[in-house]
């Protein structure tokens, strides 16, 4: 059954995932690709599109970035604010409640990133939209669910409308405006709710805006 990924969907989604148990989205660490893909970047102004509970935004802020962290969910942003305060980086993170399918920033950024964010619009259209918010010479970092056959919406197969391939992303960006630095499809295993092992299939694309 298709997902709407609207405000009501994410409200329910986060209300079901705010416990502190291992594997909860409320306490998960940042995605493992973030440190690798930003290692050579000079900290500047970053935007986290679909920040959730703030793990990636907090990591960037701790590394010296100033971060605008945007999410449609009040519940997620409440968690992000508490985590940022506990980490001592609240002064480096601006939290914005907004629908990323319609909201736009009033400036462009040195880094725009998105980790597993799914707004109420086609996934590749979303990536193309947030890519316009990157400064010339800046970086776009996308971490998404890999599209695999037989997607059912469970932990192993996310909904088809929320999954992509590295080839699909890079083709949409093109080579005229972007230099592709990373285009990987990766498998990893983590501990999910209840201590259950969950296999994840990820897409990681990093690109530099030319010009």
N, C-alpha and C. Protein backbone atom coordinates (compact mmCIF):
# COMPACT_ATOMS: atom_id res chain seq x y z
N UNK A 1 0.84 -1.19 0.00
CA UNK A 1 0.00 0.00 0.00
C UNK A 1 0.89 1.25 0.00
N UNK A 2 0.68 2.20 -0.92
CA UNK A 2 1.53 3.38 -0.99
C UNK A 2 1.45 4.21 0.28
N UNK A 3 2.57 4.87 0.61
CA UNK A 3 2.65 5.75 1.76
C UNK A 3 2.52 7.19 1.30
N UNK A 4 1.84 8.03 2.09
CA UNK A 4 1.70 9.43 1.73
C UNK A 4 2.89 10.27 2.18
N UNK A 5 3.56 9.85 3.25
CA UNK A 5 4.69 10.59 3.82
C UNK A 5 4.33 12.05 4.10
N UNK A 6 3.08 12.28 4.52
CA UNK A 6 2.66 13.63 4.86
C UNK A 6 2.84 13.86 6.36
N UNK A 7 2.38 15.01 6.86
CA UNK A 7 2.60 15.35 8.27
C UNK A 7 1.95 14.33 9.20
N UNK A 8 0.74 13.88 8.86
CA UNK A 8 0.06 12.89 9.70
C UNK A 8 0.83 11.58 9.75
N UNK A 9 1.37 11.16 8.60
CA UNK A 9 2.17 9.93 8.57
C UNK A 9 3.36 10.03 9.51
N UNK A 10 4.11 11.14 9.41
CA UNK A 10 5.31 11.27 10.23
C UNK A 10 4.99 11.50 11.70
N UNK A 11 3.86 12.13 11.98
CA UNK A 11 3.44 12.29 13.37
C UNK A 11 3.25 10.92 14.02
N UNK A 12 2.55 10.04 13.34
CA UNK A 12 2.32 8.69 13.86
C UNK A 12 3.62 7.91 13.91
N UNK A 13 4.42 8.06 12.88
CA UNK A 13 5.70 7.35 12.78
C UNK A 13 6.58 7.65 14.00
N UNK A 14 6.72 8.93 14.34
CA UNK A 14 7.60 9.29 15.45
C UNK A 14 6.98 8.97 16.80
N UNK A 15 5.68 9.04 16.92
CA UNK A 15 5.05 8.68 18.19
C UNK A 15 5.27 7.21 18.52
N UNK A 16 5.47 6.39 17.51
CA UNK A 16 5.70 4.97 17.72
C UNK A 16 7.17 4.65 17.94
N UNK A 17 8.05 5.64 17.81
CA UNK A 17 9.50 5.38 17.83
C UNK A 17 10.27 6.32 18.73
N UNK A 18 9.67 6.73 19.83
CA UNK A 18 10.34 7.68 20.71
C UNK A 18 10.86 7.06 21.99
N UNK A 19 10.87 5.74 22.09
CA UNK A 19 11.40 5.12 23.30
C UNK A 19 12.92 5.13 23.24
N UNK A 20 13.55 4.79 24.36
CA UNK A 20 15.01 4.83 24.46
C UNK A 20 15.65 3.46 24.30
N UNK A 21 14.88 2.49 23.82
CA UNK A 21 15.43 1.13 23.65
C UNK A 21 16.47 1.11 22.54
N UNK A 22 17.42 0.15 22.59
CA UNK A 22 18.41 0.03 21.52
C UNK A 22 17.72 -0.10 20.17
N UNK A 23 18.24 0.62 19.18
CA UNK A 23 17.66 0.56 17.85
C UNK A 23 16.55 1.56 17.61
N UNK A 24 16.14 2.28 18.65
CA UNK A 24 15.09 3.28 18.47
C UNK A 24 15.61 4.44 17.65
N UNK A 25 14.75 4.97 16.78
CA UNK A 25 15.13 6.14 15.99
C UNK A 25 15.40 7.34 16.87
N UNK A 26 14.85 7.35 18.07
CA UNK A 26 15.05 8.47 18.99
C UNK A 26 16.47 8.52 19.54
N UNK A 27 17.19 7.42 19.50
CA UNK A 27 18.52 7.37 20.12
C UNK A 27 19.60 6.89 19.17
N UNK A 28 19.25 6.58 17.92
CA UNK A 28 20.23 6.06 16.98
C UNK A 28 21.40 7.02 16.79
N UNK A 29 22.62 6.49 16.59
CA UNK A 29 23.77 7.34 16.26
C UNK A 29 23.67 7.82 14.82
N UNK A 30 24.54 8.75 14.41
CA UNK A 30 24.51 9.19 13.01
C UNK A 30 24.86 8.06 12.05
N UNK A 31 24.40 8.20 10.82
CA UNK A 31 24.73 7.20 9.81
C UNK A 31 26.25 7.09 9.67
N UNK A 32 26.76 5.89 9.48
CA UNK A 32 28.21 5.69 9.45
C UNK A 32 28.89 6.35 8.26
N UNK A 33 28.14 6.71 7.22
CA UNK A 33 28.74 7.31 6.04
C UNK A 33 29.08 8.78 6.24
N UNK A 34 28.49 9.41 7.23
CA UNK A 34 28.63 10.86 7.38
C UNK A 34 30.08 11.26 7.63
N UNK A 35 30.74 10.62 8.57
CA UNK A 35 32.13 10.97 8.88
C UNK A 35 33.02 10.74 7.66
N UNK A 36 32.81 9.64 6.98
CA UNK A 36 33.64 9.32 5.81
C UNK A 36 33.46 10.36 4.70
N UNK A 37 32.22 10.71 4.42
CA UNK A 37 31.95 11.55 3.27
C UNK A 37 32.21 13.03 3.52
N UNK A 38 32.34 13.44 4.77
CA UNK A 38 32.64 14.84 5.07
C UNK A 38 34.06 15.05 5.57
N UNK A 39 34.86 14.01 5.57
CA UNK A 39 36.20 14.08 6.16
C UNK A 39 37.08 15.15 5.53
N UNK A 40 36.92 15.38 4.23
CA UNK A 40 37.78 16.34 3.53
C UNK A 40 37.15 17.72 3.40
N UNK A 41 35.96 17.92 3.95
CA UNK A 41 35.25 19.19 3.80
C UNK A 41 35.62 20.15 4.93
N UNK A 42 35.67 21.43 4.59
CA UNK A 42 35.89 22.47 5.59
C UNK A 42 34.55 22.84 6.20
N UNK A 43 34.41 22.79 7.52
CA UNK A 43 33.12 23.14 8.14
C UNK A 43 32.63 24.52 7.73
N UNK A 44 31.35 24.60 7.43
CA UNK A 44 30.72 25.86 7.04
C UNK A 44 29.26 25.81 7.41
N UNK A 45 28.41 26.21 6.48
CA UNK A 45 26.97 26.23 6.69
C UNK A 45 26.37 24.98 6.06
N UNK A 46 25.59 24.23 6.84
CA UNK A 46 25.01 22.98 6.36
C UNK A 46 23.50 22.98 6.56
N UNK A 47 22.82 22.24 5.70
CA UNK A 47 21.39 22.01 5.86
C UNK A 47 21.14 20.52 5.91
N UNK A 48 20.41 20.08 6.93
CA UNK A 48 20.03 18.68 7.08
C UNK A 48 18.55 18.58 6.72
N UNK A 49 18.25 18.01 5.56
CA UNK A 49 16.89 17.94 5.05
C UNK A 49 16.23 16.65 5.53
N UNK A 50 15.31 16.79 6.48
CA UNK A 50 14.68 15.63 7.10
C UNK A 50 15.54 15.12 8.23
N UNK A 51 15.77 15.98 9.23
CA UNK A 51 16.78 15.71 10.26
C UNK A 51 16.35 14.67 11.28
N UNK A 52 15.05 14.35 11.37
CA UNK A 52 14.61 13.39 12.36
C UNK A 52 15.00 13.81 13.76
N UNK A 53 15.53 12.87 14.53
CA UNK A 53 15.92 13.14 15.91
C UNK A 53 17.27 13.83 16.03
N UNK A 54 17.87 14.21 14.91
CA UNK A 54 19.01 15.11 14.94
C UNK A 54 20.40 14.51 15.02
N UNK A 55 20.53 13.20 14.87
CA UNK A 55 21.85 12.58 15.06
C UNK A 55 22.90 13.15 14.12
N UNK A 56 22.56 13.28 12.84
CA UNK A 56 23.54 13.78 11.86
C UNK A 56 23.82 15.27 12.07
N UNK A 57 22.77 16.06 12.32
CA UNK A 57 22.96 17.49 12.56
C UNK A 57 23.84 17.74 13.77
N UNK A 58 23.64 16.96 14.83
CA UNK A 58 24.44 17.11 16.05
C UNK A 58 25.89 16.72 15.78
N UNK A 59 26.10 15.68 15.02
CA UNK A 59 27.46 15.27 14.68
C UNK A 59 28.17 16.38 13.92
N UNK A 60 27.50 16.97 12.94
CA UNK A 60 28.10 18.05 12.17
C UNK A 60 28.40 19.25 13.06
N UNK A 61 27.44 19.62 13.90
CA UNK A 61 27.65 20.76 14.78
C UNK A 61 28.84 20.53 15.70
N UNK A 62 28.99 19.32 16.18
CA UNK A 62 30.12 18.98 17.05
C UNK A 62 31.45 19.06 16.30
N UNK A 63 31.37 18.92 14.97
CA UNK A 63 32.58 18.99 14.13
C UNK A 63 32.85 20.40 13.62
N UNK A 64 32.06 21.37 14.08
CA UNK A 64 32.33 22.76 13.75
C UNK A 64 31.41 23.39 12.73
N UNK A 65 30.44 22.65 12.21
CA UNK A 65 29.50 23.20 11.25
C UNK A 65 28.39 23.99 11.96
N UNK A 66 27.79 24.92 11.23
CA UNK A 66 26.53 25.54 11.66
C UNK A 66 25.43 24.92 10.81
N UNK A 67 24.42 24.39 11.47
CA UNK A 67 23.47 23.51 10.80
C UNK A 67 22.05 24.05 10.91
N UNK A 68 21.37 24.10 9.78
CA UNK A 68 19.92 24.30 9.75
C UNK A 68 19.31 22.91 9.58
N UNK A 69 18.56 22.48 10.56
CA UNK A 69 18.01 21.12 10.57
C UNK A 69 16.49 21.20 10.41
N UNK A 70 15.97 20.61 9.33
CA UNK A 70 14.57 20.78 8.96
C UNK A 70 13.85 19.44 9.01
N UNK A 71 12.66 19.44 9.58
CA UNK A 71 11.83 18.24 9.58
C UNK A 71 10.36 18.65 9.67
N UNK A 72 9.49 17.80 9.16
CA UNK A 72 8.05 18.07 9.18
C UNK A 72 7.43 17.70 10.53
N UNK A 73 8.13 16.89 11.32
CA UNK A 73 7.57 16.31 12.53
C UNK A 73 7.92 17.11 13.78
N UNK A 74 6.91 17.60 14.47
CA UNK A 74 7.12 18.27 15.76
C UNK A 74 7.77 17.32 16.74
N UNK A 75 7.33 16.07 16.74
CA UNK A 75 7.86 15.07 17.68
C UNK A 75 9.34 14.84 17.45
N UNK A 76 9.75 14.72 16.20
CA UNK A 76 11.16 14.51 15.89
C UNK A 76 12.00 15.71 16.32
N UNK A 77 11.51 16.91 16.06
CA UNK A 77 12.27 18.11 16.40
C UNK A 77 12.39 18.30 17.91
N UNK A 78 11.38 17.88 18.65
CA UNK A 78 11.47 17.94 20.11
C UNK A 78 12.61 17.05 20.60
N UNK A 79 12.71 15.87 20.03
CA UNK A 79 13.82 14.97 20.37
C UNK A 79 15.16 15.57 19.96
N UNK A 80 15.20 16.14 18.76
CA UNK A 80 16.45 16.73 18.27
C UNK A 80 16.91 17.86 19.17
N UNK A 81 15.98 18.69 19.63
CA UNK A 81 16.34 19.80 20.51
C UNK A 81 16.93 19.30 21.82
N UNK A 82 16.32 18.27 22.38
CA UNK A 82 16.82 17.71 23.64
C UNK A 82 18.20 17.09 23.46
N UNK A 83 18.40 16.39 22.36
CA UNK A 83 19.70 15.75 22.10
C UNK A 83 20.78 16.81 21.84
N UNK A 84 20.42 17.87 21.12
CA UNK A 84 21.39 18.94 20.85
C UNK A 84 21.80 19.62 22.16
N UNK A 85 20.83 19.86 23.04
CA UNK A 85 21.14 20.47 24.33
C UNK A 85 22.06 19.58 25.15
N UNK A 86 21.77 18.28 25.17
CA UNK A 86 22.60 17.35 25.93
C UNK A 86 24.02 17.29 25.38
N UNK A 87 24.16 17.49 24.06
CA UNK A 87 25.48 17.45 23.42
C UNK A 87 26.20 18.79 23.49
N UNK A 88 25.50 19.81 23.97
CA UNK A 88 26.12 21.12 24.10
C UNK A 88 26.29 21.87 22.79
N UNK A 89 25.44 21.59 21.80
CA UNK A 89 25.60 22.23 20.49
C UNK A 89 24.35 22.98 20.06
N UNK A 90 23.45 23.29 20.97
CA UNK A 90 22.22 23.97 20.60
C UNK A 90 22.47 25.29 19.89
N UNK A 91 23.56 25.96 20.25
CA UNK A 91 23.86 27.26 19.65
C UNK A 91 24.35 27.15 18.22
N UNK A 92 24.64 25.93 17.76
CA UNK A 92 25.14 25.72 16.40
C UNK A 92 24.09 25.08 15.49
N UNK A 93 22.91 24.84 16.02
CA UNK A 93 21.86 24.19 15.24
C UNK A 93 20.58 25.03 15.29
N UNK A 94 20.03 25.34 14.12
CA UNK A 94 18.73 25.99 14.02
C UNK A 94 17.71 24.96 13.55
N UNK A 95 16.70 24.70 14.37
CA UNK A 95 15.68 23.70 14.05
C UNK A 95 14.50 24.39 13.38
N UNK A 96 14.05 23.81 12.26
CA UNK A 96 12.96 24.39 11.48
C UNK A 96 11.91 23.31 11.23
N UNK A 97 10.67 23.59 11.61
CA UNK A 97 9.57 22.66 11.30
C UNK A 97 8.96 23.08 9.96
N UNK A 98 9.07 22.22 8.97
CA UNK A 98 8.59 22.58 7.64
C UNK A 98 8.41 21.34 6.79
N UNK A 99 7.57 21.47 5.77
CA UNK A 99 7.34 20.44 4.77
C UNK A 99 8.35 20.66 3.65
N UNK A 100 9.28 19.74 3.48
CA UNK A 100 10.35 19.92 2.51
C UNK A 100 9.88 19.84 1.07
N UNK A 101 8.65 19.43 0.85
CA UNK A 101 8.13 19.41 -0.52
C UNK A 101 7.67 20.80 -0.96
N UNK A 102 7.55 21.75 -0.01
CA UNK A 102 7.12 23.11 -0.34
C UNK A 102 8.03 24.19 0.23
N UNK A 103 8.67 23.94 1.36
CA UNK A 103 9.55 24.92 2.01
C UNK A 103 10.83 25.09 1.22
N UNK A 104 11.41 26.27 1.27
CA UNK A 104 12.72 26.51 0.67
C UNK A 104 13.49 27.48 1.56
N UNK A 105 14.79 27.31 1.69
CA UNK A 105 15.59 28.23 2.50
C UNK A 105 15.79 29.55 1.76
N UNK A 106 16.23 30.57 2.49
CA UNK A 106 16.50 31.86 1.87
C UNK A 106 17.98 32.06 1.58
N UNK A 107 18.76 30.99 1.66
CA UNK A 107 20.19 31.04 1.34
C UNK A 107 20.62 29.67 0.84
N UNK A 108 21.81 29.62 0.26
CA UNK A 108 22.36 28.33 -0.15
C UNK A 108 23.48 27.93 0.81
N UNK A 109 23.86 26.65 0.75
CA UNK A 109 24.69 26.06 1.80
C UNK A 109 25.94 25.40 1.23
N UNK A 110 26.96 25.32 2.10
CA UNK A 110 28.20 24.61 1.73
C UNK A 110 27.95 23.10 1.65
N UNK A 111 27.01 22.62 2.45
CA UNK A 111 26.66 21.20 2.48
C UNK A 111 25.16 21.07 2.65
N UNK A 112 24.54 20.32 1.77
CA UNK A 112 23.14 19.92 1.94
C UNK A 112 23.13 18.40 2.00
N UNK A 113 22.50 17.86 3.03
CA UNK A 113 22.48 16.41 3.19
C UNK A 113 21.08 15.92 3.54
N UNK A 114 20.85 14.67 3.23
CA UNK A 114 19.58 14.03 3.58
C UNK A 114 19.85 12.56 3.85
N UNK A 115 19.32 12.08 4.97
CA UNK A 115 19.51 10.68 5.36
C UNK A 115 18.14 10.05 5.58
N UNK A 116 17.74 9.21 4.65
CA UNK A 116 16.47 8.46 4.76
C UNK A 116 15.24 9.36 4.82
N UNK A 117 15.33 10.57 4.31
CA UNK A 117 14.17 11.47 4.35
C UNK A 117 13.23 11.17 3.19
N UNK A 118 11.92 11.16 3.46
CA UNK A 118 10.92 10.87 2.43
C UNK A 118 9.76 11.85 2.58
N UNK A 119 9.75 12.93 1.83
CA UNK A 119 8.62 13.86 1.88
C UNK A 119 7.49 13.38 0.97
N UNK A 120 6.45 14.17 0.93
CA UNK A 120 5.27 13.80 0.13
C UNK A 120 5.46 14.21 -1.33
N UNK A 121 6.51 13.67 -1.96
CA UNK A 121 6.78 13.89 -3.37
C UNK A 121 7.69 12.76 -3.83
N UNK A 122 7.80 12.52 -5.14
CA UNK A 122 8.68 11.45 -5.61
C UNK A 122 10.12 11.64 -5.11
N UNK A 123 10.77 10.54 -4.78
CA UNK A 123 12.07 10.61 -4.13
C UNK A 123 13.12 11.34 -4.96
N UNK A 124 13.21 11.03 -6.24
CA UNK A 124 14.22 11.69 -7.07
C UNK A 124 13.90 13.17 -7.27
N UNK A 125 12.61 13.51 -7.30
CA UNK A 125 12.24 14.93 -7.38
C UNK A 125 12.67 15.66 -6.11
N UNK A 126 12.55 14.99 -4.98
CA UNK A 126 12.99 15.57 -3.71
C UNK A 126 14.49 15.83 -3.73
N UNK A 127 15.26 14.86 -4.19
CA UNK A 127 16.71 15.05 -4.24
C UNK A 127 17.08 16.19 -5.19
N UNK A 128 16.40 16.26 -6.33
CA UNK A 128 16.68 17.35 -7.28
C UNK A 128 16.32 18.70 -6.66
N UNK A 129 15.26 18.72 -5.87
CA UNK A 129 14.83 19.97 -5.23
C UNK A 129 15.86 20.47 -4.23
N UNK A 130 16.31 19.60 -3.33
CA UNK A 130 17.26 20.05 -2.31
C UNK A 130 18.64 20.31 -2.89
N UNK A 131 18.94 19.71 -4.04
CA UNK A 131 20.23 19.95 -4.70
C UNK A 131 20.38 21.41 -5.11
N UNK A 132 19.27 22.09 -5.38
CA UNK A 132 19.34 23.49 -5.78
C UNK A 132 19.75 24.39 -4.63
N UNK A 133 19.79 23.87 -3.42
CA UNK A 133 20.15 24.66 -2.25
C UNK A 133 21.65 24.61 -1.94
N UNK A 134 22.43 23.95 -2.79
CA UNK A 134 23.88 23.83 -2.61
C UNK A 134 24.58 24.99 -3.32
N UNK A 135 25.51 25.63 -2.63
CA UNK A 135 26.32 26.69 -3.24
C UNK A 135 27.22 26.12 -4.34
N UNK A 136 27.63 26.93 -5.31
CA UNK A 136 28.70 26.50 -6.23
C UNK A 136 29.94 26.09 -5.43
N UNK A 137 30.47 24.94 -5.74
CA UNK A 137 31.61 24.41 -5.00
C UNK A 137 31.23 23.65 -3.75
N UNK A 138 29.93 23.67 -3.41
CA UNK A 138 29.45 22.97 -2.23
C UNK A 138 29.14 21.51 -2.49
N UNK A 139 28.68 20.83 -1.45
CA UNK A 139 28.52 19.38 -1.48
C UNK A 139 27.07 18.98 -1.22
N UNK A 140 26.62 18.01 -1.98
CA UNK A 140 25.34 17.34 -1.75
C UNK A 140 25.63 15.93 -1.28
N UNK A 141 25.07 15.53 -0.14
CA UNK A 141 25.26 14.18 0.38
C UNK A 141 23.90 13.54 0.60
N UNK A 142 23.65 12.46 -0.11
CA UNK A 142 22.37 11.76 -0.04
C UNK A 142 22.59 10.33 0.43
N UNK A 143 21.87 9.94 1.47
CA UNK A 143 21.84 8.56 1.93
C UNK A 143 20.39 8.10 1.87
N UNK A 144 20.12 7.10 1.06
CA UNK A 144 18.75 6.64 0.88
C UNK A 144 18.64 5.13 0.97
N UNK A 145 17.41 4.67 0.88
CA UNK A 145 17.15 3.23 0.84
C UNK A 145 17.35 2.72 -0.58
N UNK A 146 18.12 1.66 -0.71
CA UNK A 146 18.36 1.07 -2.03
C UNK A 146 17.09 0.38 -2.53
N UNK A 147 16.76 0.65 -3.77
CA UNK A 147 15.62 -0.04 -4.38
C UNK A 147 16.02 -1.47 -4.71
N UNK A 148 15.31 -2.42 -4.11
CA UNK A 148 15.55 -3.84 -4.37
C UNK A 148 14.25 -4.49 -4.79
N UNK A 149 14.31 -5.57 -5.57
CA UNK A 149 13.07 -6.22 -6.01
C UNK A 149 12.23 -6.71 -4.83
N UNK A 150 10.94 -6.59 -4.97
CA UNK A 150 10.04 -7.14 -3.96
C UNK A 150 9.88 -6.28 -2.75
N UNK A 151 10.06 -4.94 -2.87
CA UNK A 151 9.90 -4.06 -1.73
C UNK A 151 8.51 -4.18 -1.12
N UNK A 152 8.46 -4.40 0.20
CA UNK A 152 7.19 -4.63 0.88
C UNK A 152 6.93 -3.63 1.99
N UNK A 153 7.93 -2.78 2.30
CA UNK A 153 7.74 -1.83 3.38
C UNK A 153 8.19 -2.34 4.72
N UNK A 154 8.76 -3.56 4.80
CA UNK A 154 9.28 -4.02 6.09
C UNK A 154 10.71 -3.53 6.25
N UNK A 155 11.42 -4.00 7.32
CA UNK A 155 12.75 -3.49 7.59
C UNK A 155 13.73 -3.79 6.47
N UNK A 156 13.51 -4.88 5.75
CA UNK A 156 14.44 -5.28 4.71
C UNK A 156 14.11 -4.64 3.37
N UNK A 157 12.87 -4.32 3.15
CA UNK A 157 12.43 -3.77 1.88
C UNK A 157 11.56 -2.55 2.14
N UNK A 158 12.15 -1.35 2.08
CA UNK A 158 11.34 -0.15 2.30
C UNK A 158 10.34 0.03 1.17
N UNK A 159 9.35 0.88 1.37
CA UNK A 159 8.37 1.11 0.31
C UNK A 159 9.04 1.51 -1.00
N UNK A 160 8.52 1.01 -2.11
CA UNK A 160 9.11 1.29 -3.41
C UNK A 160 9.25 2.78 -3.65
N UNK A 161 8.24 3.55 -3.26
CA UNK A 161 8.28 4.99 -3.54
C UNK A 161 9.33 5.73 -2.71
N UNK A 162 9.91 5.06 -1.71
CA UNK A 162 10.93 5.67 -0.87
C UNK A 162 12.32 5.13 -1.15
N UNK A 163 12.48 4.34 -2.21
CA UNK A 163 13.77 3.72 -2.50
C UNK A 163 14.29 4.18 -3.86
N UNK A 164 15.61 4.12 -4.00
CA UNK A 164 16.28 4.64 -5.19
C UNK A 164 17.49 3.75 -5.50
N UNK A 165 18.19 4.07 -6.58
CA UNK A 165 19.47 3.44 -6.89
C UNK A 165 20.50 4.55 -7.09
N UNK A 166 21.77 4.17 -6.97
CA UNK A 166 22.83 5.14 -7.21
C UNK A 166 22.76 5.65 -8.64
N UNK A 167 22.50 4.76 -9.58
CA UNK A 167 22.41 5.16 -10.98
C UNK A 167 21.27 6.15 -11.20
N UNK A 168 20.13 5.91 -10.53
CA UNK A 168 18.99 6.80 -10.68
C UNK A 168 19.30 8.20 -10.17
N UNK A 169 19.98 8.28 -9.04
CA UNK A 169 20.32 9.60 -8.47
C UNK A 169 21.32 10.32 -9.36
N UNK A 170 22.39 9.65 -9.76
CA UNK A 170 23.42 10.32 -10.53
C UNK A 170 22.91 10.74 -11.90
N UNK A 171 22.03 9.92 -12.48
CA UNK A 171 21.44 10.30 -13.76
C UNK A 171 20.59 11.56 -13.62
N UNK A 172 19.86 11.66 -12.51
CA UNK A 172 19.01 12.82 -12.29
C UNK A 172 19.85 14.08 -12.07
N UNK A 173 20.97 13.96 -11.35
CA UNK A 173 21.84 15.11 -11.14
C UNK A 173 22.52 15.53 -12.42
N UNK A 174 22.97 14.55 -13.21
CA UNK A 174 23.69 14.85 -14.44
C UNK A 174 25.13 15.23 -14.18
N UNK A 175 25.88 15.40 -15.25
CA UNK A 175 27.32 15.70 -15.13
C UNK A 175 27.65 17.14 -15.53
N UNK A 176 26.66 17.90 -15.96
CA UNK A 176 26.92 19.28 -16.36
C UNK A 176 27.11 20.17 -15.14
N UNK A 177 26.24 19.99 -14.15
CA UNK A 177 26.29 20.84 -12.96
C UNK A 177 26.98 20.18 -11.77
N UNK A 178 27.27 18.89 -11.88
CA UNK A 178 27.76 18.15 -10.72
C UNK A 178 28.95 17.26 -11.07
N UNK A 179 29.87 17.14 -10.13
CA UNK A 179 30.92 16.12 -10.20
C UNK A 179 30.60 15.08 -9.15
N UNK A 180 30.40 13.85 -9.58
CA UNK A 180 30.05 12.77 -8.66
C UNK A 180 31.31 12.27 -7.96
N UNK A 181 31.32 12.36 -6.65
CA UNK A 181 32.48 11.93 -5.86
C UNK A 181 32.29 10.52 -5.32
N UNK A 182 31.07 10.17 -4.94
CA UNK A 182 30.76 8.86 -4.40
C UNK A 182 29.41 8.42 -4.97
N UNK A 183 29.33 7.17 -5.39
CA UNK A 183 28.05 6.58 -5.82
C UNK A 183 28.09 5.11 -5.44
N UNK A 184 27.74 4.83 -4.20
CA UNK A 184 27.87 3.49 -3.63
C UNK A 184 26.51 2.90 -3.29
N UNK A 185 26.43 1.58 -3.37
CA UNK A 185 25.29 0.83 -2.85
C UNK A 185 25.85 -0.15 -1.83
N UNK A 186 25.43 -0.01 -0.58
CA UNK A 186 26.08 -0.67 0.55
C UNK A 186 25.09 -1.49 1.36
N UNK A 187 25.57 -2.57 1.94
CA UNK A 187 24.79 -3.38 2.88
C UNK A 187 25.41 -3.25 4.26
N UNK A 188 24.57 -3.18 5.27
CA UNK A 188 25.06 -3.15 6.64
C UNK A 188 24.01 -3.77 7.55
N UNK A 189 24.45 -4.15 8.74
CA UNK A 189 23.58 -4.77 9.72
C UNK A 189 23.65 -3.97 11.01
N UNK A 190 22.50 -3.71 11.60
CA UNK A 190 22.49 -3.03 12.90
C UNK A 190 21.46 -3.70 13.81
N UNK A 191 21.51 -3.31 15.08
CA UNK A 191 20.57 -3.84 16.05
C UNK A 191 19.32 -2.98 16.06
N UNK A 192 18.19 -3.59 15.76
CA UNK A 192 16.93 -2.88 15.71
C UNK A 192 16.16 -3.00 17.01
N UNK A 193 14.91 -2.52 17.01
CA UNK A 193 14.07 -2.62 18.20
C UNK A 193 13.98 -4.06 18.70
N UNK A 194 14.04 -4.22 20.02
CA UNK A 194 13.96 -5.54 20.61
C UNK A 194 15.23 -6.35 20.48
N UNK A 195 16.33 -5.68 20.06
CA UNK A 195 17.60 -6.39 19.92
C UNK A 195 17.69 -7.23 18.66
N UNK A 196 16.74 -7.10 17.77
CA UNK A 196 16.71 -7.89 16.54
C UNK A 196 17.68 -7.33 15.52
N UNK A 197 18.45 -8.19 14.85
CA UNK A 197 19.34 -7.74 13.79
C UNK A 197 18.55 -7.38 12.55
N UNK A 198 18.88 -6.23 11.97
CA UNK A 198 18.20 -5.75 10.78
C UNK A 198 19.24 -5.49 9.70
N UNK A 199 19.00 -6.02 8.51
CA UNK A 199 19.88 -5.78 7.37
C UNK A 199 19.35 -4.59 6.58
N UNK A 200 20.24 -3.64 6.32
CA UNK A 200 19.87 -2.45 5.58
C UNK A 200 20.64 -2.40 4.27
N UNK A 201 19.99 -1.90 3.25
CA UNK A 201 20.58 -1.77 1.93
C UNK A 201 20.51 -0.29 1.56
N UNK A 202 21.67 0.36 1.49
CA UNK A 202 21.73 1.81 1.39
C UNK A 202 22.31 2.27 0.06
N UNK A 203 21.93 3.47 -0.33
CA UNK A 203 22.53 4.20 -1.43
C UNK A 203 23.23 5.41 -0.84
N UNK A 204 24.48 5.64 -1.23
CA UNK A 204 25.23 6.82 -0.77
C UNK A 204 25.78 7.54 -1.98
N UNK A 205 25.34 8.77 -2.17
CA UNK A 205 25.82 9.60 -3.27
C UNK A 205 26.32 10.92 -2.70
N UNK A 206 27.54 11.27 -3.05
CA UNK A 206 28.09 12.58 -2.72
C UNK A 206 28.53 13.25 -4.01
N UNK A 207 28.14 14.52 -4.17
CA UNK A 207 28.45 15.24 -5.41
C UNK A 207 28.84 16.68 -5.07
N UNK A 208 29.72 17.24 -5.89
CA UNK A 208 30.16 18.62 -5.75
C UNK A 208 29.52 19.46 -6.85
N UNK A 209 28.91 20.58 -6.46
CA UNK A 209 28.32 21.47 -7.47
C UNK A 209 29.43 22.22 -8.20
N UNK A 210 29.40 22.17 -9.51
CA UNK A 210 30.38 22.85 -10.34
C UNK A 210 29.97 24.30 -10.57
N UNK A 211 30.95 25.12 -10.89
CA UNK A 211 30.65 26.50 -11.23
C UNK A 211 30.62 27.42 -10.04
